Amino acid sequence: MSSTQPRPVYVIGAGPGGLAVAAALRARGVRAVVVEKSDAVGASWRGHYARLHLHTTRRLSALPGLAIPRRFGRWVSRDDVVRYLEKYAEFHELELVTGVEVTRIERAPAGADAGDGGGAAAGEGPGWLLHASGGRVLAGRAVVVATGFNHTPRLPDWPGRDTYTGALAHAAAYRDPKPYEGRDVLVVGAGNTGAEIAVDLAEGGAARVRLAVRTAPHIVRRSTAGWPAQRTGILVRRLPVRLVDRLGALTAKVSVPDLTAYGLPRPESGLYSRVRQGAIPVQDVGLIAAVRAGTVEPVAAVEAFDGAEVVLADGSRITPDAVVAATGYRRGLEGLLGHLDVLDERGRPLAHGRRTPAQAPGLYFTGFTNPISGMFREMALDAEKIAKALARRLGVRAEARRAAAHRPDTGLRPVDPPA
């Protein structure tokens, strides 16, 4: 059956970035359909370890149009983040389609409508085709990719890795310390995830916890005299890198003890220089105290595995019962749109936020940076900017706001808003 309703904008991913964009688009009268491969919103947050809290404040982490409840506290827990995302989708009456995975995005041929009944607006272009599970082909006016910064776990191909006789798991599989009670555990990677898991293990009954460090991280207090580190991150983003590096070094000397004697020296490179390279400072949620108490022992980086042994960069060998690799993630975008020439050599989008690649107009990305000012905050800002740019691009006028309340069939399996 034909319809006068134009093709929707498809948002891929029902995490905070995708939900925020969909809500901002709907507020501007642009119909957006969120397609999520899992069975619920916030899938990545549901899979994080139980101890996790936002390292950004509740007030500075809200998405457009809905505050995070005060009862969730200043540092919102993993479970409360999930509750907030569920409520967000319900409050904004977002069109959600779950259990459908988009596997490839490509430009629609000129004049194609893929049977959606809505032709492209003047100047809009032919739009996009999304190939999805079940043989579906979806036609959209534009596409916003919000599949997440932490998409595909990255496990280094260490020499001898397959010979290791202990338990080896990526941090993505870690939930709580119970399986590691009484065991000798090596955590690899001194980013925020590795540092917090190491503390969690030490406090949760592991017999011994070591933290393998390749590059000493910058450590900052999450809050100092009530002032959150996030606010400092917001203030310094537009200052010269060298100036912020100097300020960071001075602040560290005052607020963070020198842990060199414990095997964790102060970094040689500046804090903001590292941020510009993609390394966010570690927010202290117990690491400093654990290192000083000896319950978390910094050791050299992992070089290889040899049976039951782990070979470290300083030549020493240790025999942990288990290894938890907090070694980061890949964006995992190559299969989805690598053929469009919109990714850099590291698989990251060439354009982000309101900017769309010159060779792929109408294709937007959100949530693929890890800014010092807070990921939730920046995704909220990006959502408003993307919605404004898309509404202008699609020629959506004020009367479309009233029409946005009408929800025709998406052609997919819809779900009711979560309770």
Protein backbone atom coordinates (compact mmCIF):
# COMPACT_ATOMS: atom_id res chain seq x y z
CA MET A 1 0.00 0.00 0.00
CA SER A 2 1.35 3.42 -0.89
CA SER A 3 1.68 6.19 1.67
CA THR A 4 2.42 9.90 1.64
CA GLN A 5 4.57 9.47 4.71
CA PRO A 6 8.21 10.08 3.66
CA ARG A 7 10.85 7.52 4.27
CA PRO A 8 12.21 7.63 7.84
CA VAL A 9 15.66 8.48 9.03
CA TYR A 10 17.12 5.23 10.32
CA VAL A 11 19.19 5.34 13.51
CA ILE A 12 21.34 2.25 13.98
CA GLY A 13 21.85 1.41 17.64
CA ALA A 14 19.61 1.93 20.69
CA GLY A 15 22.30 3.05 23.09
CA PRO A 16 22.42 6.57 24.55
CA GLY A 17 23.71 8.15 21.32
CA GLY A 18 21.08 6.58 19.09
CA LEU A 19 18.20 7.28 21.47
CA ALA A 20 19.29 10.91 21.89
CA VAL A 21 19.41 11.50 18.13
CA ALA A 22 16.01 9.85 17.62
CA ALA A 23 14.44 12.02 20.32
CA ALA A 24 15.99 15.20 18.94
CA LEU A 25 14.83 14.34 15.41
CA ARG A 26 11.29 13.62 16.58
CA ALA A 27 11.20 16.97 18.39
CA ARG A 28 11.96 18.63 15.06
CA GLY A 29 9.29 16.74 13.19
CA VAL A 30 11.62 14.24 11.51
CA ARG A 31 10.46 10.65 11.69
CA ALA A 32 13.24 8.44 13.05
CA VAL A 33 13.22 4.66 13.44
CA VAL A 34 15.80 3.15 15.78
CA VAL A 35 17.03 -0.30 14.70
CA GLU A 36 18.74 -2.37 17.39
CA LYS A 37 20.23 -5.84 16.93
CA SER A 38 19.68 -6.88 20.56
CA ASP A 39 16.32 -7.28 22.27
CA ALA A 40 16.39 -4.08 24.36
CA VAL A 41 17.75 -0.56 24.59
CA GLY A 42 21.12 0.02 26.24
CA ALA A 43 22.50 -3.41 25.38
CA SER A 44 26.14 -2.48 25.97
CA TRP A 45 25.33 -0.99 29.37
CA ARG A 46 23.46 -4.12 30.39
CA GLY A 47 26.62 -6.10 29.67
CA HIS A 48 29.06 -3.97 31.66
CA TYR A 49 30.51 -5.11 34.98
CA ALA A 50 28.26 -4.65 38.01
CA ARG A 51 30.49 -2.16 39.84
CA LEU A 52 30.48 0.39 37.01
CA HIS A 53 29.18 3.92 37.54
CA LEU A 54 29.25 6.87 35.20
CA HIS A 55 32.44 8.85 35.73
CA THR A 56 30.51 11.95 34.75
CA THR A 57 27.95 13.66 36.96
CA ARG A 58 24.24 13.01 36.74
CA ARG A 59 23.47 16.64 35.85
CA LEU A 60 26.00 16.70 33.01
CA SER A 61 25.05 13.29 31.60
CA ALA A 62 21.35 13.73 30.77
CA LEU A 63 20.20 13.26 27.18
CA PRO A 64 18.00 15.85 25.41
CA GLY A 65 14.55 16.34 26.88
CA LEU A 66 14.75 14.25 30.06
CA ALA A 67 16.77 14.76 33.24
CA ILE A 68 18.30 11.82 35.08
CA PRO A 69 16.36 11.35 38.36
CA ARG A 70 18.03 12.82 41.43
CA ARG A 71 17.46 9.59 43.33
CA PHE A 72 20.07 7.95 41.09
CA GLY A 73 22.76 9.96 42.87
CA ARG A 74 25.63 12.02 41.58
CA TRP A 75 27.50 9.09 39.99
CA VAL A 76 24.89 6.97 38.27
CA SER A 77 25.24 3.19 38.52
CA ARG A 78 25.16 0.78 35.60
CA ASP A 79 21.67 -0.49 36.48
CA ASP A 80 20.31 3.04 36.84
CA VAL A 81 21.78 4.05 33.48
CA VAL A 82 19.80 1.18 31.94
CA ARG A 83 16.65 2.29 33.78
CA TYR A 84 17.15 5.82 32.52
CA LEU A 85 17.57 4.69 28.91
CA GLU A 86 14.42 2.58 29.14
CA LYS A 87 12.48 5.53 30.54
CA TYR A 88 13.96 7.82 27.91
CA ALA A 89 12.67 5.69 25.05
CA GLU A 90 9.24 5.50 26.69
CA PHE A 91 9.05 9.22 27.53
CA HIS A 92 9.90 10.31 23.99
CA GLU A 93 7.69 7.61 22.42
CA LEU A 94 10.51 6.52 20.15
CA GLU A 95 9.97 4.08 17.30
CA LEU A 96 12.08 1.11 18.30
CA VAL A 97 12.70 -2.04 16.33
CA THR A 98 14.69 -4.70 18.18
CA GLY A 99 16.17 -8.00 17.12
CA VAL A 100 17.13 -6.66 13.68
CA GLU A 101 20.78 -6.23 12.74
CA VAL A 102 21.85 -3.91 9.95
CA THR A 103 24.76 -5.55 8.15
CA ARG A 104 25.47 -3.18 5.25
CA ILE A 105 24.66 0.39 4.28
CA GLU A 106 24.80 1.64 0.71
CA ARG A 107 23.59 4.56 -1.37
CA ALA A 108 20.21 4.00 -3.00
CA PRO A 109 20.29 4.19 -6.79
CA ALA A 110 18.80 7.35 -8.27
CA GLY A 111 15.02 7.13 -8.49
CA ALA A 112 14.79 4.14 -6.12
CA ASP A 113 12.06 4.05 -3.49
CA ALA A 114 12.45 0.39 -2.40
CA GLY A 115 8.69 0.18 -2.13
CA ASP A 116 8.48 2.49 0.87
CA GLY A 117 5.90 4.72 -0.75
CA GLY A 118 7.71 7.95 0.03
CA GLY A 119 9.81 9.63 -2.62
CA ALA A 120 12.76 11.80 -1.84
CA ALA A 121 12.21 15.48 -1.31
CA ALA A 122 13.62 17.93 -3.79
CA GLY A 123 17.37 18.23 -3.33
CA GLU A 124 17.39 15.42 -0.83
CA GLY A 125 19.00 12.79 -3.06
CA PRO A 126 18.06 9.14 -3.46
CA GLY A 127 18.74 8.27 0.16
CA TRP A 128 20.11 5.05 1.58
CA LEU A 129 19.47 1.33 1.56
CA LEU A 130 20.09 -0.74 4.69
CA HIS A 131 20.55 -4.47 4.35
CA ALA A 132 19.40 -6.16 7.53
CA SER A 133 18.90 -9.59 9.03
CA GLY A 134 16.09 -11.71 7.64
CA GLY A 135 16.76 -10.48 4.12
CA ARG A 136 15.26 -7.07 4.84
CA VAL A 137 16.17 -4.06 2.71
CA LEU A 138 15.17 -0.76 4.31
CA ALA A 139 15.03 2.55 2.49
CA GLY A 140 15.84 5.67 4.47
CA ARG A 141 16.14 9.36 3.76
CA ALA A 142 19.27 9.51 5.90
CA VAL A 143 21.15 7.25 8.30
CA VAL A 144 22.66 7.94 11.71
CA VAL A 145 25.17 5.31 12.83
CA ALA A 146 25.27 5.01 16.62
CA THR A 147 26.59 1.49 17.14
CA GLY A 148 28.94 2.56 19.90
CA PHE A 149 32.53 3.36 20.79
CA ASN A 150 32.96 -0.01 22.55
CA HIS A 151 31.58 -2.31 19.88
CA THR A 152 33.95 -5.23 19.27
CA PRO A 153 36.32 -6.44 22.01
CA ARG A 154 39.97 -6.26 20.96
CA LEU A 155 42.20 -9.05 22.25
CA PRO A 156 45.85 -8.70 21.18
CA ASP A 157 47.35 -11.62 19.32
CA TRP A 158 50.08 -12.19 21.87
CA PRO A 159 52.66 -14.84 20.93
CA GLY A 160 51.73 -18.11 22.60
CA ARG A 161 48.29 -16.87 23.58
CA ASP A 162 46.66 -20.12 22.55
CA THR A 163 49.07 -22.11 24.72
CA TYR A 164 48.07 -20.39 27.95
CA THR A 165 46.71 -22.96 30.38
CA GLY A 166 45.02 -20.47 32.70
CA ALA A 167 41.73 -18.66 32.14
CA LEU A 168 41.92 -15.79 29.63
CA ALA A 169 38.98 -13.44 29.07
CA HIS A 170 38.42 -9.97 27.67
CA ALA A 171 37.11 -7.39 30.12
CA ALA A 172 33.86 -7.34 28.14
CA ALA A 173 33.06 -10.72 29.72
CA TYR A 174 33.85 -9.60 33.28
CA ARG A 175 30.83 -9.03 35.54
CA ASP A 176 31.98 -9.31 39.17
CA PRO A 177 34.85 -10.76 41.23
CA LYS A 178 33.05 -13.85 42.49
CA PRO A 179 34.52 -16.29 39.90
CA TYR A 180 38.00 -15.07 40.87
CA GLU A 181 37.78 -15.45 44.65
CA GLY A 182 40.99 -16.92 46.04
CA ARG A 183 42.75 -16.80 42.67
CA ASP A 184 45.85 -15.04 41.36
CA VAL A 185 44.65 -12.64 38.65
CA LEU A 186 46.50 -10.48 36.14
CA VAL A 187 44.58 -7.54 34.68
CA VAL A 188 46.09 -6.26 31.43
CA GLY A 189 45.58 -2.60 30.60
CA ALA A 190 45.67 0.45 32.86
CA GLY A 191 42.78 2.43 31.42
CA ASN A 192 39.63 3.19 33.37
CA THR A 193 38.21 -0.30 32.82
CA GLY A 194 41.37 -2.17 33.79
CA ALA A 195 41.98 0.01 36.84
CA GLU A 196 38.45 -0.41 38.13
CA ILE A 197 38.34 -4.17 37.51
CA ALA A 198 41.66 -4.55 39.35
CA VAL A 199 40.23 -2.71 42.35
CA ASP A 200 37.03 -4.73 42.16
CA LEU A 201 39.00 -7.98 42.19
CA ALA A 202 41.17 -6.86 45.11
CA GLU A 203 38.14 -5.86 47.15
CA GLY A 204 36.17 -8.92 46.05
CA GLY A 205 38.39 -11.67 47.39
CA ALA A 206 41.05 -12.41 44.75
CA ALA A 207 44.17 -13.83 46.38
CA ARG A 208 46.48 -11.58 44.35
CA VAL A 209 45.89 -8.89 41.75
CA ARG A 210 48.50 -7.54 39.38
CA LEU A 211 47.95 -4.80 36.80
CA ALA A 212 50.03 -4.94 33.62
CA VAL A 213 50.93 -1.42 32.49
CA ARG A 214 52.46 -0.59 29.12
CA THR A 215 52.22 3.20 29.40
CA ALA A 216 51.73 4.82 32.78
CA PRO A 217 48.33 6.54 32.82
CA HIS A 218 47.40 9.96 34.05
CA ILE A 219 45.29 9.55 37.19
CA VAL A 220 42.83 12.22 38.26
CA ARG A 221 40.49 12.48 41.19
CA ARG A 222 36.88 12.04 40.09
CA SER A 223 35.98 14.98 42.31
CA THR A 224 38.05 17.43 44.35
CA ALA A 225 36.32 19.49 47.04
CA GLY A 226 33.04 18.86 45.26
CA TRP A 227 34.36 19.98 41.87
CA PRO A 228 34.09 17.11 39.34
CA ALA A 229 36.96 16.40 36.97
CA GLN A 230 34.42 16.47 34.15
CA ARG A 231 33.83 20.20 34.61
CA THR A 232 37.55 20.80 34.30
CA GLY A 233 37.53 18.72 31.14
CA ILE A 234 34.79 20.92 29.70
CA LEU A 235 36.63 24.13 30.58
CA VAL A 236 39.99 23.15 29.09
CA ARG A 237 38.87 21.65 25.79
CA ARG A 238 39.51 24.83 23.83
CA LEU A 239 42.74 25.83 25.56
CA PRO A 240 46.17 25.23 24.00
CA VAL A 241 47.40 21.69 24.52
CA ARG A 242 50.69 22.74 26.12
CA LEU A 243 48.92 24.97 28.61
CA VAL A 244 46.56 22.19 29.67
CA ASP A 245 49.50 19.79 29.95
CA ARG A 246 51.22 22.20 32.38
CA LEU A 247 48.06 22.73 34.40
CA GLY A 248 47.48 18.99 34.53
CA ALA A 249 50.99 18.35 35.81
CA LEU A 250 50.61 20.96 38.55
CA THR A 251 47.23 19.58 39.59
CA ALA A 252 48.56 16.03 39.71
CA LYS A 253 51.42 17.00 42.01
CA VAL A 254 48.94 18.52 44.44
CA SER A 255 46.13 15.95 44.32
CA VAL A 256 47.67 12.62 43.27
CA PRO A 257 50.51 11.00 45.24
CA ASP A 258 53.63 9.86 43.42
CA LEU A 259 53.29 6.10 42.97
CA THR A 260 56.70 5.56 41.37
CA ALA A 261 57.92 3.50 44.32
CA TYR A 262 54.97 1.17 43.79
CA GLY A 263 55.72 0.61 40.11
CA LEU A 264 53.41 3.27 38.69
CA PRO A 265 55.46 6.38 37.79
CA ARG A 266 54.07 9.68 36.68
CA PRO A 267 53.56 9.79 32.88
CA GLU A 268 56.25 11.42 30.78
CA SER A 269 53.82 12.94 28.25
CA GLY A 270 51.28 15.62 29.12
CA LEU A 271 47.69 14.85 30.11
CA TYR A 272 45.99 16.68 27.26
CA SER A 273 48.57 15.51 24.72
CA ARG A 274 47.54 11.98 25.66
CA VAL A 275 43.86 12.88 25.42
CA ARG A 276 44.38 14.16 21.88
CA GLN A 277 45.90 10.76 21.07
CA GLY A 278 42.81 9.02 22.44
CA ALA A 279 43.98 8.15 25.97
CA ILE A 280 41.53 9.41 28.59
CA PRO A 281 42.87 9.89 32.15
CA VAL A 282 42.04 7.23 34.71
CA GLN A 283 39.50 8.51 37.20
CA ASP A 284 40.43 7.26 40.63
CA VAL A 285 37.75 5.04 42.13
CA GLY A 286 40.11 3.22 44.48
CA LEU A 287 43.23 2.53 42.41
CA ILE A 288 45.52 4.91 44.32
CA ALA A 289 44.62 3.41 47.70
CA ALA A 290 44.86 -0.15 46.36
CA VAL A 291 48.32 0.42 44.86
CA ARG A 292 49.59 2.05 48.05
CA ALA A 293 48.17 -0.79 50.12
CA GLY A 294 49.74 -3.39 47.86
CA THR A 295 46.44 -5.06 47.02
CA VAL A 296 46.92 -4.10 43.35
CA GLU A 297 50.51 -4.56 42.11
CA PRO A 298 51.58 -2.76 38.90
CA VAL A 299 53.82 -4.89 36.66
CA ALA A 300 55.32 -4.54 33.19
CA ALA A 301 53.30 -5.00 30.02
CA VAL A 302 52.47 -8.43 28.64
CA GLU A 303 54.72 -9.58 25.81
CA ALA A 304 53.78 -13.24 25.38
CA PHE A 305 52.32 -16.38 26.89
CA ASP A 306 54.19 -19.63 27.45
CA GLY A 307 52.03 -22.43 28.79
CA ALA A 308 51.07 -21.48 32.35
CA GLU A 309 53.40 -18.47 32.31
CA VAL A 310 52.92 -14.89 31.18
CA VAL A 311 56.07 -13.22 29.85
CA LEU A 312 56.35 -9.53 30.74
CA ALA A 313 58.18 -6.75 28.92
CA ASP A 314 60.91 -6.56 31.58
CA GLY A 315 61.76 -10.22 30.98
CA SER A 316 60.10 -11.54 34.13
CA ARG A 317 57.62 -14.40 34.10
CA ILE A 318 54.55 -14.82 36.27
CA THR A 319 52.00 -17.62 36.60
CA PRO A 320 48.56 -16.14 37.29
CA ASP A 321 45.54 -18.40 37.47
CA ALA A 322 43.57 -16.03 35.25
CA VAL A 323 44.10 -13.06 32.94
CA VAL A 324 41.50 -10.35 32.33
CA ALA A 325 42.40 -8.33 29.23
CA ALA A 326 41.15 -4.74 29.46
CA THR A 327 42.68 -4.08 26.06
CA GLY A 328 40.00 -1.96 24.47
CA TYR A 329 37.59 -2.26 21.59
CA ARG A 330 37.33 -1.73 17.87
CA ARG A 331 34.54 0.33 16.37
CA GLY A 332 33.60 -2.62 14.13
CA LEU A 333 32.35 -0.47 11.24
CA GLU A 334 34.29 -2.01 8.37
CA GLY A 335 31.70 -4.60 7.35
CA LEU A 336 28.85 -2.13 7.72
CA LEU A 337 30.22 0.69 5.59
CA GLY A 338 33.90 0.16 4.87
CA HIS A 339 33.11 0.18 1.15
CA LEU A 340 31.91 3.80 1.33
CA ASP A 341 35.37 5.24 2.03
CA VAL A 342 34.15 7.04 5.16
CA LEU A 343 36.57 5.51 7.69
CA ASP A 344 40.15 6.36 8.53
CA GLU A 345 43.02 3.89 8.77
CA ARG A 346 41.98 2.98 12.32
CA GLY A 347 38.38 2.28 11.37
CA ARG A 348 36.99 5.50 12.83
CA PRO A 349 34.48 7.74 10.99
CA LEU A 350 36.06 10.57 9.03
CA ALA A 351 33.17 12.83 9.99
CA HIS A 352 31.28 13.05 13.26
CA GLY A 353 28.28 14.85 14.73
CA ARG A 354 26.54 17.30 12.43
CA ARG A 355 29.21 16.92 9.75
CA THR A 356 28.53 14.32 7.09
CA PRO A 357 31.23 12.90 4.78
CA ALA A 358 31.47 14.78 1.50
CA GLN A 359 31.29 11.50 -0.41
CA ALA A 360 28.31 10.26 1.65
CA PRO A 361 25.83 13.11 2.26
CA GLY A 362 23.06 12.10 4.60
CA LEU A 363 25.23 9.67 6.58
CA TYR A 364 25.91 10.76 10.17
CA PHE A 365 27.87 9.34 13.10
CA THR A 366 27.56 9.83 16.86
CA GLY A 367 29.24 8.28 19.88
CA PHE A 368 32.56 7.41 18.24
CA THR A 369 34.74 9.73 20.31
CA ASN A 370 35.76 9.49 23.95
CA PRO A 371 36.04 13.16 24.98
CA ILE A 372 37.48 14.46 28.22
CA SER A 373 34.24 16.42 28.73
CA GLY A 374 32.13 13.27 29.02
CA MET A 375 30.71 10.94 26.39
CA PHE A 376 27.05 11.27 27.43
CA ARG A 377 27.30 15.06 27.41
CA GLU A 378 28.87 15.16 23.98
CA MET A 379 26.34 12.69 22.56
CA ALA A 380 23.55 14.91 23.86
CA LEU A 381 25.09 17.94 22.15
CA ASP A 382 25.69 15.96 18.95
CA ALA A 383 22.08 14.79 18.92
CA GLU A 384 20.75 18.35 18.82
CA LYS A 385 23.24 19.37 16.14
CA ILE A 386 22.51 16.33 13.96
CA ALA A 387 18.76 16.85 14.29
CA LYS A 388 19.06 20.52 13.33
CA ALA A 389 21.27 19.73 10.34
CA LEU A 390 19.02 16.90 9.16
CA ALA A 391 15.79 18.87 9.53
CA ARG A 392 17.33 21.62 7.41
CA ARG A 393 18.64 19.13 4.87
CA LEU A 394 15.32 17.35 4.56
CA GLY A 395 13.33 20.57 4.38
CA VAL A 396 11.17 19.71 7.37
CA ARG A 397 8.87 22.59 8.30
CA ALA A 398 7.00 23.41 11.47
CA GLU A 399 3.81 21.66 10.37
CA ALA A 400 5.76 18.39 10.27
CA ARG A 401 5.90 18.45 14.06
CA ARG A 402 2.19 17.72 14.18
CA ALA A 403 2.49 14.98 11.59
CA ALA A 404 5.29 13.36 13.57
CA ALA A 405 2.73 12.03 16.03
CA HIS A 406 1.33 9.78 13.26
CA ARG A 407 3.11 6.42 13.28
CA PRO A 408 2.66 4.36 10.12
CA ASP A 409 3.85 0.78 9.94
CA THR A 410 7.65 0.57 9.87
CA GLY A 411 7.62 -2.64 7.89
CA LEU A 412 9.60 -4.24 10.72
CA ARG A 413 8.76 -5.93 13.99
CA PRO A 414 8.03 -3.10 16.42
CA VAL A 415 8.25 -3.28 20.17
CA ASP A 416 6.23 -1.57 22.86
CA PRO A 417 8.05 1.13 24.81
CA PRO A 418 9.73 -0.45 27.83
CA ALA A 419 7.92 -0.16 31.14
